[in-house]
N, C-alpha and C. Protein backbone atom coordinates (compact mmCIF):
# COMPACT_ATOMS: atom_id res chain seq x y z
N UNK A 1 -3.03 5.91 13.08
CA UNK A 1 -2.61 5.79 11.69
C UNK A 1 -1.10 6.03 11.62
N UNK A 2 -0.42 5.17 10.88
CA UNK A 2 1.02 5.28 10.69
C UNK A 2 1.31 5.47 9.21
N UNK A 3 2.02 6.56 8.89
CA UNK A 3 2.41 6.81 7.50
C UNK A 3 3.86 6.38 7.33
N UNK A 4 4.05 5.37 6.50
CA UNK A 4 5.39 4.85 6.26
C UNK A 4 6.04 5.60 5.10
N UNK A 5 7.32 5.91 5.26
CA UNK A 5 8.06 6.53 4.16
C UNK A 5 8.70 5.43 3.30
N UNK A 6 9.35 5.83 2.24
CA UNK A 6 9.92 4.88 1.29
C UNK A 6 10.98 4.00 1.95
N UNK A 7 11.80 4.58 2.82
CA UNK A 7 12.83 3.78 3.49
C UNK A 7 12.21 2.70 4.36
N UNK A 8 11.16 3.02 5.07
CA UNK A 8 10.50 2.03 5.92
C UNK A 8 9.92 0.90 5.09
N UNK A 9 9.28 1.24 3.99
CA UNK A 9 8.71 0.21 3.11
C UNK A 9 9.82 -0.65 2.52
N UNK A 10 10.93 -0.04 2.15
CA UNK A 10 12.06 -0.81 1.63
C UNK A 10 12.59 -1.78 2.68
N UNK A 11 12.66 -1.33 3.92
CA UNK A 11 13.09 -2.22 5.01
C UNK A 11 12.09 -3.36 5.19
N UNK A 12 10.83 -3.07 5.00
CA UNK A 12 9.80 -4.11 5.09
C UNK A 12 10.03 -5.17 4.01
N UNK A 13 10.28 -4.73 2.79
CA UNK A 13 10.52 -5.67 1.69
C UNK A 13 11.78 -6.50 1.92
N UNK A 14 12.76 -5.90 2.60
CA UNK A 14 14.01 -6.62 2.90
C UNK A 14 13.91 -7.44 4.19
N UNK A 15 12.72 -7.43 4.78
CA UNK A 15 12.41 -8.20 5.98
C UNK A 15 13.29 -7.82 7.17
N UNK A 16 13.47 -6.52 7.35
CA UNK A 16 14.21 -6.01 8.51
C UNK A 16 13.43 -6.37 9.77
N UNK A 17 14.07 -7.03 10.74
CA UNK A 17 13.35 -7.53 11.92
C UNK A 17 12.54 -6.48 12.68
N UNK A 18 13.09 -5.29 12.88
CA UNK A 18 12.36 -4.28 13.65
C UNK A 18 11.11 -3.81 12.91
N UNK A 19 11.21 -3.66 11.60
CA UNK A 19 10.06 -3.23 10.82
C UNK A 19 9.01 -4.33 10.78
N UNK A 20 9.44 -5.57 10.60
CA UNK A 20 8.49 -6.69 10.62
C UNK A 20 7.77 -6.78 11.96
N UNK A 21 8.50 -6.55 13.04
CA UNK A 21 7.91 -6.60 14.37
C UNK A 21 6.80 -5.56 14.53
N UNK A 22 7.03 -4.37 14.04
CA UNK A 22 6.01 -3.31 14.11
C UNK A 22 4.82 -3.67 13.22
N UNK A 23 5.09 -4.12 12.00
CA UNK A 23 4.01 -4.45 11.06
C UNK A 23 3.11 -5.56 11.58
N UNK A 24 3.68 -6.53 12.26
CA UNK A 24 2.89 -7.64 12.79
C UNK A 24 1.87 -7.18 13.82
N UNK A 25 2.16 -6.07 14.48
CA UNK A 25 1.29 -5.56 15.54
C UNK A 25 0.21 -4.62 15.03
N UNK A 26 0.32 -4.20 13.78
CA UNK A 26 -0.61 -3.20 13.24
C UNK A 26 -1.62 -3.84 12.30
N UNK A 27 -2.89 -3.44 12.42
CA UNK A 27 -3.85 -3.88 11.41
C UNK A 27 -3.57 -3.14 10.11
N UNK A 28 -3.83 -3.75 8.96
CA UNK A 28 -3.57 -3.08 7.68
C UNK A 28 -4.23 -1.70 7.57
N UNK A 29 -5.36 -1.53 8.20
CA UNK A 29 -6.05 -0.24 8.12
C UNK A 29 -5.32 0.87 8.87
N UNK A 30 -4.32 0.53 9.68
CA UNK A 30 -3.58 1.52 10.44
C UNK A 30 -2.35 2.02 9.71
N UNK A 31 -2.10 1.50 8.51
CA UNK A 31 -0.90 1.85 7.75
C UNK A 31 -1.29 2.59 6.47
N UNK A 32 -0.54 3.65 6.18
CA UNK A 32 -0.74 4.36 4.92
C UNK A 32 0.61 4.85 4.42
N UNK A 33 0.63 5.30 3.18
CA UNK A 33 1.82 5.90 2.59
C UNK A 33 1.39 7.16 1.85
N UNK A 34 2.34 8.04 1.60
CA UNK A 34 2.03 9.25 0.84
C UNK A 34 2.09 8.94 -0.66
N UNK A 35 1.57 9.86 -1.43
CA UNK A 35 1.64 9.70 -2.89
C UNK A 35 3.09 9.76 -3.37
N UNK A 36 3.93 10.49 -2.65
CA UNK A 36 5.36 10.55 -2.99
C UNK A 36 6.00 9.18 -2.79
N UNK A 37 5.69 8.52 -1.68
CA UNK A 37 6.22 7.18 -1.43
C UNK A 37 5.74 6.21 -2.50
N UNK A 38 4.47 6.28 -2.84
CA UNK A 38 3.93 5.41 -3.89
C UNK A 38 4.69 5.62 -5.20
N UNK A 39 4.90 6.87 -5.57
CA UNK A 39 5.61 7.18 -6.81
C UNK A 39 7.06 6.67 -6.75
N UNK A 40 7.71 6.84 -5.61
CA UNK A 40 9.09 6.37 -5.48
C UNK A 40 9.18 4.85 -5.59
N UNK A 41 8.22 4.15 -5.00
CA UNK A 41 8.21 2.68 -5.09
C UNK A 41 8.00 2.24 -6.54
N UNK A 42 7.06 2.85 -7.23
CA UNK A 42 6.78 2.49 -8.62
C UNK A 42 7.97 2.83 -9.53
N UNK A 43 8.62 3.94 -9.27
CA UNK A 43 9.80 4.31 -10.04
C UNK A 43 10.92 3.29 -9.83
N UNK A 44 11.14 2.92 -8.58
CA UNK A 44 12.19 1.95 -8.27
C UNK A 44 11.94 0.61 -8.93
N UNK A 45 10.69 0.17 -8.94
CA UNK A 45 10.34 -1.11 -9.58
C UNK A 45 10.56 -1.02 -11.09
N UNK A 46 10.14 0.07 -11.69
CA UNK A 46 10.31 0.23 -13.14
C UNK A 46 11.78 0.25 -13.52
N UNK A 47 12.59 0.85 -12.68
CA UNK A 47 14.02 0.96 -12.95
C UNK A 47 14.72 -0.39 -12.86
N UNK A 48 14.29 -1.21 -11.92
CA UNK A 48 14.94 -2.51 -11.71
C UNK A 48 14.45 -3.60 -12.65
N UNK A 49 13.21 -3.50 -13.09
CA UNK A 49 12.60 -4.51 -13.97
C UNK A 49 12.68 -5.91 -13.36
N UNK A 50 12.30 -5.98 -12.09
CA UNK A 50 12.32 -7.24 -11.34
C UNK A 50 10.86 -7.65 -11.09
N UNK A 51 10.42 -8.73 -11.71
CA UNK A 51 9.01 -9.15 -11.63
C UNK A 51 8.60 -9.50 -10.20
N UNK A 52 9.48 -10.16 -9.45
CA UNK A 52 9.15 -10.53 -8.07
C UNK A 52 8.96 -9.28 -7.22
N UNK A 53 9.85 -8.32 -7.37
CA UNK A 53 9.74 -7.07 -6.63
C UNK A 53 8.50 -6.30 -7.07
N UNK A 54 8.22 -6.31 -8.35
CA UNK A 54 7.02 -5.63 -8.86
C UNK A 54 5.76 -6.21 -8.23
N UNK A 55 5.69 -7.52 -8.15
CA UNK A 55 4.53 -8.18 -7.54
C UNK A 55 4.40 -7.80 -6.07
N UNK A 56 5.54 -7.75 -5.37
CA UNK A 56 5.54 -7.40 -3.96
C UNK A 56 5.05 -5.97 -3.75
N UNK A 57 5.54 -5.06 -4.57
CA UNK A 57 5.15 -3.65 -4.46
C UNK A 57 3.67 -3.49 -4.79
N UNK A 58 3.21 -4.14 -5.85
CA UNK A 58 1.80 -4.04 -6.22
C UNK A 58 0.89 -4.57 -5.12
N UNK A 59 1.26 -5.68 -4.50
CA UNK A 59 0.47 -6.24 -3.41
C UNK A 59 0.46 -5.29 -2.21
N UNK A 60 1.60 -4.71 -1.91
CA UNK A 60 1.68 -3.77 -0.79
C UNK A 60 0.81 -2.55 -1.07
N UNK A 61 0.91 -2.00 -2.27
CA UNK A 61 0.12 -0.81 -2.61
C UNK A 61 -1.38 -1.11 -2.57
N UNK A 62 -1.76 -2.28 -3.01
CA UNK A 62 -3.18 -2.65 -2.95
C UNK A 62 -3.67 -2.74 -1.51
N UNK A 63 -2.79 -3.13 -0.61
CA UNK A 63 -3.18 -3.28 0.80
C UNK A 63 -3.25 -1.96 1.54
N UNK A 64 -2.43 -0.98 1.14
CA UNK A 64 -2.37 0.26 1.91
C UNK A 64 -3.06 1.44 1.24
N UNK A 65 -3.50 1.28 0.00
CA UNK A 65 -4.16 2.43 -0.65
C UNK A 65 -5.61 2.12 -0.94
């Protein structure tokens, strides 16, 4: 099990090559985040008011929680 922090998830959304490489090798069931990371992601989305980013975060949260 791998617990990703907010920075790692942000790098994933920005398609950082090293993070993408790791994610491609892991089954979704091997990834989790803390409630703090979830709250930080939701706060960031609310602050930016970006619908595309909101959709991306919601899809990610549905996959890992």
